[in-house]
Protein backbone atom coordinates (compact mmCIF):
# COMPACT_ATOMS: atom_id res chain seq x y z
CA UNK A 1 -2.51 -11.97 -8.77
CA UNK A 2 -4.79 -13.57 -7.95
CA UNK A 3 -2.62 -16.84 -5.36
CA UNK A 4 -4.35 -20.25 -5.46
CA UNK A 5 -5.91 -21.38 -1.64
CA UNK A 6 -4.33 -23.89 -0.50
CA UNK A 7 -5.81 -26.05 2.70
CA UNK A 8 -2.66 -27.48 5.69
CA UNK A 9 -4.13 -30.72 6.56
CA UNK A 10 -4.48 -29.51 9.68
CA UNK A 11 -6.44 -26.82 8.67
CA UNK A 12 -8.49 -29.35 6.66
CA UNK A 13 -8.60 -31.77 10.02
CA UNK A 14 -9.83 -28.11 12.11
CA UNK A 15 -12.42 -27.53 9.44
CA UNK A 16 -14.27 -30.60 9.16
CA UNK A 17 -13.95 -30.92 13.76
CA UNK A 18 -15.80 -27.38 13.49
CA UNK A 19 -18.28 -29.09 10.98
CA UNK A 20 -18.76 -32.29 13.40
CA UNK A 21 -19.55 -29.44 16.50
CA UNK A 22 -20.79 -27.69 15.45
CA UNK A 23 -23.57 -30.45 13.13
CA UNK A 24 -23.94 -32.79 16.68
CA UNK A 25 -24.71 -29.23 19.04
CA UNK A 26 -27.21 -27.57 16.02
CA UNK A 27 -27.63 -29.21 12.76
CA UNK A 28 -25.57 -30.11 9.37
CA UNK A 29 -27.48 -27.67 7.92
CA UNK A 30 -25.69 -24.35 10.06
CA UNK A 31 -22.41 -26.52 10.05
CA UNK A 32 -22.34 -26.22 5.88
CA UNK A 33 -23.13 -22.60 6.09
CA UNK A 34 -21.29 -21.69 9.24
CA UNK A 35 -17.90 -23.57 7.61
CA UNK A 36 -18.77 -22.92 3.42
CA UNK A 37 -19.31 -19.16 5.33
CA UNK A 38 -15.52 -19.79 7.00
CA UNK A 39 -14.49 -21.14 3.08
CA UNK A 40 -14.73 -17.23 1.23
CA UNK A 41 -13.73 -16.28 3.47
CA UNK A 42 -9.99 -17.61 2.88
CA UNK A 43 -11.38 -17.74 -1.17
CA UNK A 44 -10.69 -13.85 -0.66
CA UNK A 45 -8.10 -13.69 -0.20
CA UNK A 46 -7.14 -14.97 -3.69
CA UNK A 47 -7.13 -11.22 -4.82
CA UNK A 48 -6.75 -9.48 -1.42
CA UNK A 49 -3.80 -12.11 0.52
CA UNK A 50 -1.57 -9.15 2.28
CA UNK A 51 -4.64 -8.21 4.33
CA UNK A 52 -4.77 -8.94 9.07
CA UNK A 53 -2.11 -9.06 10.88
CA UNK A 54 1.27 -9.70 10.76
CA UNK A 55 2.53 -12.87 13.04
CA UNK A 56 6.52 -13.27 12.20
CA UNK A 57 6.81 -13.67 15.99
CA UNK A 58 4.76 -16.48 15.87
CA UNK A 59 6.12 -18.39 12.32
CA UNK A 60 8.19 -15.85 9.23
CA UNK A 61 5.27 -15.13 6.52
CA UNK A 62 2.32 -15.26 9.14
CA UNK A 63 -0.88 -12.84 8.90
CA UNK A 64 -4.04 -13.81 10.94
CA UNK A 65 -7.24 -12.76 10.51
CA UNK A 66 -10.31 -13.19 12.63
CA UNK A 67 -13.97 -13.81 11.11
CA UNK A 68 -16.67 -13.70 13.28
CA UNK A 69 -15.37 -13.43 15.97
CA UNK A 70 -15.75 -17.26 17.20
CA UNK A 71 -12.41 -18.52 14.21
CA UNK A 72 -9.19 -17.40 13.48
CA UNK A 73 -7.42 -17.85 10.59
CA UNK A 74 -3.89 -18.82 9.58
CA UNK A 75 -2.02 -18.00 6.86
CA UNK A 76 1.30 -17.19 4.65
CA UNK A 77 0.89 -15.92 1.47
CA UNK A 78 3.49 -16.65 -0.71
CA UNK A 79 4.38 -15.80 -4.51
CA UNK A 80 1.50 -18.17 -5.88
CA UNK A 81 -0.53 -18.93 -3.32
CA UNK A 82 -2.07 -18.10 -0.13
CA UNK A 83 -1.83 -21.56 1.92
CA UNK A 84 -4.06 -21.35 5.39
CA UNK A 85 -1.77 -22.75 8.36
CA UNK A 86 -4.88 -23.46 10.37
CA UNK A 87 -9.18 -22.39 11.68
CA UNK A 88 -8.54 -22.85 14.96
CA UNK A 89 -12.57 -21.84 16.90
CA UNK A 90 -13.34 -20.06 20.02
CA UNK A 91 -11.17 -19.38 22.44
CA UNK A 92 -8.45 -22.38 21.52
CA UNK A 93 -4.84 -20.97 22.09
CA UNK A 94 -3.47 -20.50 18.05
CA UNK A 95 -0.52 -19.00 19.32
CA UNK A 96 0.97 -22.21 21.61
CA UNK A 97 -0.82 -24.23 18.74
CA UNK A 98 1.69 -23.12 16.56
CA UNK A 99 4.32 -23.05 18.53
CA UNK A 100 4.80 -26.13 19.45
CA UNK A 101 6.47 -26.61 16.05
């Protein structure tokens, strides 16, 4: 079953912030390639959603997976969708950030 992908407002804001950070540090084209690659990885969850590490200790149904050793993608698999909860770049403590909610 193919599910639709839904980015939470927080995940979209994190992606936008990441783009801005890379664009300022490197270039807009580098930022676009990196953020597009993240979105490609997220899109792959449509067909194979039950991958990654189960993190029910943080949030029921939460799964995480890494991207290029720099980004943690946090998501929840629902019957018809995959909800992207957050995109945590670098050394950000995603466990603490998710625990705040």
